[in-house]
Protein backbone atom coordinates (compact mmCIF):
# COMPACT_ATOMS: atom_id res chain seq x y z
CA UNK A 1 14.58 -32.92 80.10
CA UNK A 2 12.37 -30.19 82.21
CA UNK A 3 14.48 -29.38 85.24
CA UNK A 4 12.30 -28.46 88.35
CA UNK A 5 11.78 -25.52 90.19
CA UNK A 6 13.84 -25.55 93.49
CA UNK A 7 11.20 -25.69 96.74
CA UNK A 8 11.57 -21.96 97.17
CA UNK A 9 11.13 -20.88 93.46
CA UNK A 10 8.04 -23.34 93.84
CA UNK A 11 6.43 -21.30 96.64
CA UNK A 12 7.50 -18.19 94.96
CA UNK A 13 5.81 -19.18 91.89
CA UNK A 14 2.37 -20.17 94.06
CA UNK A 15 2.69 -16.67 95.31
CA UNK A 16 2.39 -15.16 91.82
CA UNK A 17 -0.33 -17.19 90.68
CA UNK A 18 -2.67 -16.76 93.89
CA UNK A 19 -2.31 -20.52 94.50
CA UNK A 20 -3.17 -22.19 97.57
CA UNK A 21 -0.86 -25.26 98.47
CA UNK A 22 -0.46 -28.02 99.77
CA UNK A 23 -0.41 -29.81 96.17
CA UNK A 24 -0.30 -33.39 94.81
CA UNK A 25 0.41 -34.90 91.28
CA UNK A 26 -3.18 -35.02 90.64
CA UNK A 27 -5.54 -33.52 88.05
CA UNK A 28 -7.28 -31.51 90.58
CA UNK A 29 -4.02 -29.69 91.40
CA UNK A 30 -3.20 -29.80 87.67
CA UNK A 31 -6.40 -28.10 86.71
CA UNK A 32 -6.29 -25.62 89.61
CA UNK A 33 -2.57 -24.22 88.90
CA UNK A 34 -3.54 -24.10 85.18
CA UNK A 35 -6.65 -21.86 86.10
CA UNK A 36 -4.73 -19.63 88.65
CA UNK A 37 -1.69 -19.17 85.99
CA UNK A 38 -3.83 -18.08 82.94
CA UNK A 39 -5.72 -15.18 84.96
CA UNK A 40 -2.93 -14.11 87.26
CA UNK A 41 0.07 -13.88 84.19
CA UNK A 42 -0.60 -12.41 80.84
CA UNK A 43 0.22 -13.21 77.69
CA UNK A 44 2.25 -10.33 76.34
CA UNK A 45 4.97 -9.25 73.64
CA UNK A 46 5.83 -6.02 75.00
CA UNK A 47 9.64 -6.70 75.20
CA UNK A 48 9.61 -7.78 71.75
CA UNK A 49 8.09 -4.39 70.93
CA UNK A 50 10.85 -2.54 72.86
CA UNK A 51 13.47 -4.61 70.93
CA UNK A 52 14.43 -6.67 73.88
CA UNK A 53 16.28 -10.28 73.55
CA UNK A 54 14.29 -13.07 74.61
CA UNK A 55 15.49 -16.63 74.84
CA UNK A 56 13.62 -20.16 75.45
CA UNK A 57 15.56 -20.62 79.01
CA UNK A 58 13.13 -21.30 81.72
CA UNK A 59 15.39 -19.79 84.13
CA UNK A 60 15.09 -16.30 82.58
CA UNK A 61 11.25 -16.86 82.22
CA UNK A 62 11.24 -17.36 85.86
CA UNK A 63 13.16 -13.96 86.77
CA UNK A 64 10.70 -12.18 84.28
CA UNK A 65 7.06 -13.71 85.07
CA UNK A 66 7.83 -14.42 88.84
CA UNK A 67 10.17 -12.08 90.17
CA UNK A 68 9.52 -9.17 88.19
CA UNK A 69 5.87 -10.13 87.67
CA UNK A 70 5.68 -9.58 84.42
CA UNK A 71 3.89 -11.61 81.62
CA UNK A 72 5.30 -13.29 78.70
CA UNK A 73 4.93 -15.67 75.52
CA UNK A 74 4.64 -19.29 74.98
CA UNK A 75 8.72 -19.89 75.65
CA UNK A 76 8.12 -18.28 79.06
CA UNK A 77 4.47 -19.05 79.89
CA UNK A 78 5.35 -22.99 79.40
CA UNK A 79 8.76 -22.83 80.43
CA UNK A 80 7.88 -21.76 83.96
CA UNK A 81 4.75 -23.96 84.07
CA UNK A 82 6.58 -26.83 82.99
CA UNK A 83 9.43 -26.47 85.73
CA UNK A 84 6.61 -25.84 88.41
CA UNK A 85 4.88 -29.05 87.28
CA UNK A 86 7.95 -31.11 87.35
CA UNK A 87 8.59 -30.06 91.03
CA UNK A 88 5.21 -31.23 92.20
CA UNK A 89 5.96 -34.50 90.45
CA UNK A 90 4.01 -34.63 87.17
CA UNK A 91 5.86 -35.93 83.92
CA UNK A 92 6.15 -33.15 81.68
CA UNK A 93 7.26 -33.23 78.16
CA UNK A 94 8.11 -30.06 76.02
CA UNK A 95 6.17 -30.38 72.87
CA UNK A 96 7.03 -28.04 69.99
CA UNK A 97 4.36 -26.95 67.97
CA UNK A 98 3.57 -25.13 64.45
CA UNK A 99 0.91 -22.12 64.84
CA UNK A 100 -1.28 -21.96 61.94
CA UNK A 101 0.69 -25.12 60.24
CA UNK A 102 -2.52 -25.46 57.64
CA UNK A 103 -1.41 -22.02 55.89
CA UNK A 104 2.49 -21.63 56.87
CA UNK A 105 3.38 -25.31 56.61
CA UNK A 106 5.97 -27.14 58.28
CA UNK A 107 7.95 -23.99 58.59
CA UNK A 108 6.02 -23.08 61.57
CA UNK A 109 7.11 -25.96 63.58
CA UNK A 110 9.05 -24.44 66.45
CA UNK A 111 6.84 -21.28 66.59
CA UNK A 112 4.93 -22.82 70.05
CA UNK A 113 5.63 -24.31 73.03
CA UNK A 114 3.23 -26.74 74.74
CA UNK A 115 3.42 -29.51 77.50
CA UNK A 116 2.04 -32.91 77.66
CA UNK A 117 1.70 -33.96 81.00
CA UNK A 118 1.58 -37.29 82.51
CA UNK A 119 1.33 -38.56 78.89
CA UNK A 120 -2.34 -37.66 78.45
CA UNK A 121 -3.01 -33.84 79.16
CA UNK A 122 -2.24 -31.02 76.74
CA UNK A 123 -1.06 -28.28 78.95
CA UNK A 124 -0.71 -24.86 77.32
CA UNK A 125 -0.57 -21.42 79.47
CA UNK A 126 1.20 -19.91 76.62
CA UNK A 127 -1.37 -19.96 73.67
CA UNK A 128 -2.51 -16.16 73.87
CA UNK A 129 -4.16 -17.36 77.29
CA UNK A 130 -6.76 -19.00 75.32
CA UNK A 131 -6.48 -22.16 76.91
CA UNK A 132 -7.70 -22.34 80.31
CA UNK A 133 -7.78 -25.90 81.69
CA UNK A 134 -5.77 -29.28 80.75
CA UNK A 135 -7.11 -30.55 77.40
CA UNK A 136 -7.39 -34.69 77.39
CA UNK A 137 -5.12 -36.06 74.62
CA UNK A 138 -8.14 -37.27 72.48
CA UNK A 139 -10.22 -35.89 69.79
CA UNK A 140 -13.24 -33.54 71.24
CA UNK A 141 -14.25 -30.20 71.90
CA UNK A 142 -14.42 -28.54 75.07
CA UNK A 143 -15.60 -24.99 76.80
CA UNK A 144 -12.79 -23.24 78.19
CA UNK A 145 -15.35 -20.38 79.02
CA UNK A 146 -15.95 -17.95 77.02
CA UNK A 147 -13.93 -19.85 74.48
CA UNK A 148 -14.63 -23.33 72.81
CA UNK A 149 -11.51 -25.25 72.34
CA UNK A 150 -11.01 -28.38 69.73
CA UNK A 151 -8.37 -31.20 69.41
CA UNK A 152 -8.69 -33.45 66.34
CA UNK A 153 -6.00 -35.37 63.87
CA UNK A 154 -4.66 -33.82 60.61
CA UNK A 155 -4.64 -35.51 57.34
CA UNK A 156 -1.36 -36.24 58.06
CA UNK A 157 -2.09 -37.64 61.66
CA UNK A 158 -0.36 -34.75 63.68
CA UNK A 159 -2.88 -33.26 66.59
CA UNK A 160 -4.27 -29.87 66.01
CA UNK A 161 -5.58 -27.77 68.69
CA UNK A 162 -7.98 -25.14 67.61
CA UNK A 163 -9.87 -22.10 69.40
CA UNK A 164 -12.92 -20.51 68.16
CA UNK A 165 -14.25 -17.57 67.52
CA UNK A 166 -10.40 -16.32 67.41
CA UNK A 167 -9.83 -18.88 64.73
CA UNK A 168 -6.22 -19.90 65.54
CA UNK A 169 -4.65 -23.05 65.83
CA UNK A 170 -1.45 -24.97 66.35
CA UNK A 171 -0.29 -28.54 65.31
CA UNK A 172 1.81 -30.94 66.84
CA UNK A 173 3.17 -34.32 67.64
CA UNK A 174 3.24 -35.57 71.04
CA UNK A 175 6.85 -36.36 71.45
CA UNK A 176 9.84 -34.38 73.11
CA UNK A 177 10.59 -31.15 71.13
CA UNK A 178 13.42 -30.36 69.34
CA UNK A 179 14.97 -27.55 71.32
CA UNK A 180 17.21 -26.10 68.62
CA UNK A 181 13.97 -25.63 66.42
CA UNK A 182 12.31 -23.72 69.14
CA UNK A 183 15.37 -21.68 70.09
CA UNK A 184 15.68 -20.62 66.46
CA UNK A 185 11.99 -19.96 66.01
CA UNK A 186 12.09 -17.85 69.28
CA UNK A 187 14.79 -15.64 67.84
CA UNK A 188 12.91 -15.05 64.51
CA UNK A 189 10.04 -14.23 66.25
CA UNK A 190 11.29 -11.70 68.37
CA UNK A 191 13.49 -10.21 65.54
CA UNK A 192 11.69 -10.51 62.20
CA UNK A 193 10.26 -7.73 60.67
CA UNK A 194 7.70 -10.67 58.90
CA UNK A 195 7.06 -11.95 62.68
CA UNK A 196 3.62 -10.91 64.09
CA UNK A 197 4.93 -10.10 67.21
CA UNK A 198 7.20 -7.35 66.03
CA UNK A 199 4.54 -6.24 63.75
CA UNK A 200 2.20 -5.21 66.39
CA UNK A 201 1.65 -5.53 70.48
CA UNK A 202 -0.34 -8.35 71.76
CA UNK A 203 -1.66 -8.47 75.22
CA UNK A 204 -4.19 -11.10 76.24
CA UNK A 205 -5.40 -12.36 79.79
CA UNK A 206 -8.05 -14.42 81.29
CA UNK A 207 -10.34 -13.16 84.06
CA UNK A 208 -13.21 -15.19 85.61
CA UNK A 209 -15.85 -16.00 82.36
CA UNK A 210 -14.58 -12.97 80.28
CA UNK A 211 -11.17 -13.16 77.90
CA UNK A 212 -9.42 -9.70 77.45
CA UNK A 213 -7.23 -8.90 74.70
CA UNK A 214 -5.32 -5.99 73.43
CA UNK A 215 -4.18 -5.73 69.86
CA UNK A 216 -2.50 -2.56 69.00
CA UNK A 217 -4.63 0.09 70.22
CA UNK A 218 -7.71 -1.92 70.27
CA UNK A 219 -9.20 -3.58 73.84
CA UNK A 220 -11.77 -6.44 73.38
CA UNK A 221 -13.44 -8.13 76.04
CA UNK A 222 -14.94 -11.19 74.92
CA UNK A 223 -17.73 -12.77 77.39
CA UNK A 224 -20.73 -15.46 77.01
CA UNK A 225 -22.78 -12.53 75.22
CA UNK A 226 -20.46 -11.67 72.55
CA UNK A 227 -17.24 -9.31 72.32
CA UNK A 228 -17.21 -5.50 72.72
CA UNK A 229 -14.14 -3.25 71.62
CA UNK A 230 -12.82 -0.05 72.00
CA UNK A 231 -9.87 1.89 70.95
CA UNK A 232 -7.26 3.51 73.29
CA UNK A 233 -6.40 7.09 73.13
CA UNK A 234 -3.02 8.07 74.48
CA UNK A 235 0.00 6.59 75.71
CA UNK A 236 -1.41 7.51 79.08
CA UNK A 237 -4.49 5.48 78.61
CA UNK A 238 -2.06 2.54 77.10
CA UNK A 239 -0.27 2.19 80.45
CA UNK A 240 -3.46 2.23 82.38
CA UNK A 241 -5.00 -0.58 80.77
CA UNK A 242 -2.10 -2.60 80.81
CA UNK A 243 -1.90 -2.20 84.53
CA UNK A 244 -5.77 -2.28 85.33
CA UNK A 245 -6.99 -4.73 82.76
CA UNK A 246 -3.73 -6.90 82.56
CA UNK A 247 -2.29 -6.53 86.01
CA UNK A 248 1.15 -5.13 84.30
CA UNK A 249 3.42 -2.57 85.85
CA UNK A 250 4.92 -1.35 82.58
CA UNK A 251 4.98 2.69 82.45
CA UNK A 252 8.06 2.06 79.29
CA UNK A 253 5.24 0.67 77.36
CA UNK A 254 4.38 4.75 76.65
CA UNK A 255 7.21 4.29 74.22
CA UNK A 256 5.59 1.93 71.73
CA UNK A 257 2.66 4.48 71.36
CA UNK A 258 3.77 6.08 68.20
CA UNK A 259 4.53 2.85 66.54
CA UNK A 260 1.36 1.21 67.66
CA UNK A 261 -0.65 4.23 66.05
CA UNK A 262 1.24 4.36 62.76
CA UNK A 263 0.71 0.33 62.60
CA UNK A 264 -2.79 1.05 62.99
CA UNK A 265 -3.17 3.75 60.55
CA UNK A 266 -0.94 1.54 58.24
CA UNK A 267 -3.94 -1.37 58.71
CA UNK A 268 -7.40 0.20 58.89
CA UNK A 269 -6.89 3.87 57.71
CA UNK A 270 -9.70 5.98 58.57
CA UNK A 271 -12.14 2.67 59.03
CA UNK A 272 -13.72 1.75 62.35
CA UNK A 273 -12.57 -0.67 64.80
CA UNK A 274 -11.29 -3.68 63.10
CA UNK A 275 -13.57 -6.73 62.87
CA UNK A 276 -10.40 -9.51 63.12
């Protein structure tokens, strides 16, 4: 069951994403909210990098994303979004998914939280900000500019959402999540050395027809014309990038710089900018 935001929380959420209300439980509202959300609130794992504890609790996510004006990851983005949509009057089901399940197997289940809205829309503001609009629960491909998004069936009859050219995907069944599974994977992803979120900084946001992604010290901007990359050169430049590109006031991120540089050196050494 999704607990809806209160009236005052919903107004605060609308203010956070710059959304003009009144609203109704219809597709126009759903589409507009997701577009506003993914441009206003970035996907980021700064707290994981700083060793802070994270949970799947939507109330904690609301405090972080709305009141503190931070970004977050799937459990936080879709926790808040789902509660907001429920408050408007949509039927919202929290869905457990497995990122790159075709590689990681069923052990990946619970590594992602997405939403099923009114039984026919896949809604996801927390998959790296790659998904920029509601996706019909049917096989097909759509352009969420500048990225193509595809939904298909797997050989074992699950759904697979994939995004190109980043070659990322997740599998899911359109049924209510096992909340214990989500909580367990949230803890693992926030703390285990094998987790990609522990290994490296990632920050992502949509902006108009552009998509911004920071992986470690490499900033990418993807448009319809292609991708441009540059390497950040200092802790100060990191903090400025988070502020100016990703709308995050996080001066404490400077404390991560040494670890970011060490990770970059371990991965790429003296090579040029990474190609993946």
